[in-house]
Amino acid sequence: MKILYFAWVRERIGLEAEEVDPPASVRTVADLAAFLKERGEGYAHAFENPSVVRAALDRTHARPDTPLGAAREVAFFPPMTGG
């Protein structure tokens, strides 16, 4: 699955995208964030407070408890504000 990182999530991880093959135990957006958090210091820093990281599955906003299902692309990004 392709993982995209935006804004400060990208800056902390040091990548804008990567291909990841998570284990079968990773079933939800929250599971994926927890799995990524264990991949190193930058990931741990990016996902240290998962409640402030938003996600989208195949370009549709997703909650932490959303199943990954057959998603081909997952994006992680900070909350957005408008003006």
C-alpha atoms as a PDB file:
ATOM      1  CA  MET A   1       0.000   0.000   0.000  1.00  0.00           C
ATOM      2  CA  LYS A   2       1.183   3.503  -0.742  1.00  0.00           C
ATOM      3  CA  ILE A   3       1.480   5.840   2.228  1.00  0.00           C
ATOM      4  CA  LEU A   4       1.559   9.605   1.683  1.00  0.00           C
ATOM      5  CA  TYR A   5       2.679  12.118   4.302  1.00  0.00           C
ATOM      6  CA  PHE A   6       1.821  15.827   4.253  1.00  0.00           C
ATOM      7  CA  ALA A   7       2.951  19.008   6.049  1.00  0.00           C
ATOM      8  CA  TRP A   8       4.652  18.474   9.433  1.00  0.00           C
ATOM      9  CA  VAL A   9       3.960  14.715   9.310  1.00  0.00           C
ATOM     10  CA  ARG A  10       6.167  14.568   6.200  1.00  0.00           C
ATOM     11  CA  GLU A  11       8.790  16.798   7.800  1.00  0.00           C
ATOM     12  CA  ARG A  12       9.050  14.633  10.915  1.00  0.00           C
ATOM     13  CA  ILE A  13       9.238  11.356   8.995  1.00  0.00           C
ATOM     14  CA  GLY A  14      11.486  12.729   6.267  1.00  0.00           C
ATOM     15  CA  LEU A  15       9.514  11.166   3.405  1.00  0.00           C
ATOM     16  CA  GLU A  16       6.647  12.337   1.266  1.00  0.00           C
ATOM     17  CA  ALA A  17       5.598   8.806   0.259  1.00  0.00           C
ATOM     18  CA  GLU A  18       6.557   5.160   0.590  1.00  0.00           C
ATOM     19  CA  GLU A  19       5.281   1.669  -0.159  1.00  0.00           C
ATOM     20  CA  VAL A  20       4.496  -0.353   2.966  1.00  0.00           C
ATOM     21  CA  ASP A  21       3.347  -3.936   3.416  1.00  0.00           C
ATOM     22  CA  PRO A  22       1.929  -4.002   6.954  1.00  0.00           C
ATOM     23  CA  PRO A  23       1.279  -7.307   8.735  1.00  0.00           C
ATOM     24  CA  ALA A  24      -2.210  -8.844   8.701  1.00  0.00           C
ATOM     25  CA  SER A  25      -2.770  -7.619  12.265  1.00  0.00           C
ATOM     26  CA  VAL A  26      -2.904  -4.035  10.951  1.00  0.00           C
ATOM     27  CA  ARG A  27      -6.598  -3.670  10.132  1.00  0.00           C
ATOM     28  CA  THR A  28      -7.571  -0.061  10.831  1.00  0.00           C
ATOM     29  CA  VAL A  29      -6.164   3.426  10.310  1.00  0.00           C
ATOM     30  CA  ALA A  30      -5.225   3.509  14.013  1.00  0.00           C
ATOM     31  CA  ASP A  31      -3.464   0.143  13.701  1.00  0.00           C
ATOM     32  CA  LEU A  32      -1.473   1.462  10.749  1.00  0.00           C
ATOM     33  CA  ALA A  33      -0.441   4.599  12.635  1.00  0.00           C
ATOM     34  CA  ALA A  34       0.672   2.441  15.596  1.00  0.00           C
ATOM     35  CA  PHE A  35       2.613   0.149  13.242  1.00  0.00           C
ATOM     36  CA  LEU A  36       4.335   3.105  11.584  1.00  0.00           C
ATOM     37  CA  LYS A  37       5.141   4.682  14.958  1.00  0.00           C
ATOM     38  CA  GLU A  38       7.394   1.708  15.703  1.00  0.00           C
ATOM     39  CA  ARG A  39       9.485   2.175  12.533  1.00  0.00           C
ATOM     40  CA  GLY A  40      11.864   4.761  13.950  1.00  0.00           C
ATOM     41  CA  GLU A  41      12.368   8.064  15.687  1.00  0.00           C
ATOM     42  CA  GLY A  42      10.826  10.257  12.966  1.00  0.00           C
ATOM     43  CA  TYR A  43       7.723   8.085  12.797  1.00  0.00           C
ATOM     44  CA  ALA A  44       7.452   8.022  16.591  1.00  0.00           C
ATOM     45  CA  HIS A  45       7.630  11.814  16.634  1.00  0.00           C
ATOM     46  CA  ALA A  46       5.032  12.181  13.855  1.00  0.00           C
ATOM     47  CA  PHE A  47       2.571   9.813  15.530  1.00  0.00           C
ATOM     48  CA  GLU A  48       3.320  10.676  19.168  1.00  0.00           C
ATOM     49  CA  ASN A  49      -0.187  12.135  19.531  1.00  0.00           C
ATOM     50  CA  PRO A  50      -2.357  10.232  17.035  1.00  0.00           C
ATOM     51  CA  SER A  51      -5.421  12.342  17.868  1.00  0.00           C
ATOM     52  CA  VAL A  52      -3.900  15.274  15.946  1.00  0.00           C
ATOM     53  CA  VAL A  53      -3.095  13.307  12.791  1.00  0.00           C
ATOM     54  CA  ARG A  54      -5.834  12.938  10.181  1.00  0.00           C
ATOM     55  CA  ALA A  55      -6.034  10.230   7.531  1.00  0.00           C
ATOM     56  CA  ALA A  56      -7.600   9.553   4.161  1.00  0.00           C
ATOM     57  CA  LEU A  57      -8.086   6.206   2.448  1.00  0.00           C
ATOM     58  CA  ASP A  58      -8.014   6.444  -1.327  1.00  0.00           C
ATOM     59  CA  ARG A  59      -8.598  10.210  -0.987  1.00  0.00           C
ATOM     60  CA  THR A  60     -11.605   9.923   1.342  1.00  0.00           C
ATOM     61  CA  HIS A  61     -11.310  11.162   4.938  1.00  0.00           C
ATOM     62  CA  ALA A  62     -11.220   8.288   7.403  1.00  0.00           C
ATOM     63  CA  ARG A  63     -11.598   7.948  11.158  1.00  0.00           C
ATOM     64  CA  PRO A  64      -9.031   6.033  13.231  1.00  0.00           C
ATOM     65  CA  ASP A  65     -11.394   3.060  13.537  1.00  0.00           C
ATOM     66  CA  THR A  66     -11.966   2.850   9.767  1.00  0.00           C
ATOM     67  CA  PRO A  67     -10.920  -0.549   8.369  1.00  0.00           C
ATOM     68  CA  LEU A  68      -8.145  -0.370   5.793  1.00  0.00           C
ATOM     69  CA  GLY A  69      -9.917  -2.967   3.660  1.00  0.00           C
ATOM     70  CA  ALA A  70      -8.600  -2.912   0.112  1.00  0.00           C
ATOM     71  CA  ALA A  71      -7.301   0.671   0.274  1.00  0.00           C
ATOM     72  CA  ARG A  72      -4.404   1.235  -2.110  1.00  0.00           C
ATOM     73  CA  GLU A  73      -3.417   4.635  -0.732  1.00  0.00           C
ATOM     74  CA  VAL A  74      -3.386   6.063   2.784  1.00  0.00           C
ATOM     75  CA  ALA A  75      -2.529   9.694   3.467  1.00  0.00           C
ATOM     76  CA  PHE A  76      -1.616  11.151   6.852  1.00  0.00           C
ATOM     77  CA  PHE A  77      -1.804  14.893   7.465  1.00  0.00           C
ATOM     78  CA  PRO A  78      -2.381  17.438  10.259  1.00  0.00           C
ATOM     79  CA  PRO A  79      -5.811  18.991  10.823  1.00  0.00           C
ATOM     80  CA  MET A  80      -6.569  21.726   8.360  1.00  0.00           C
ATOM     81  CA  THR A  81      -7.864  25.173   9.190  1.00  0.00           C
ATOM     82  CA  GLY A  82      -9.534  27.627   6.941  1.00  0.00           C
ATOM     83  CA  GLY A  83      -9.814  31.330   6.963  1.00  0.00           C
END
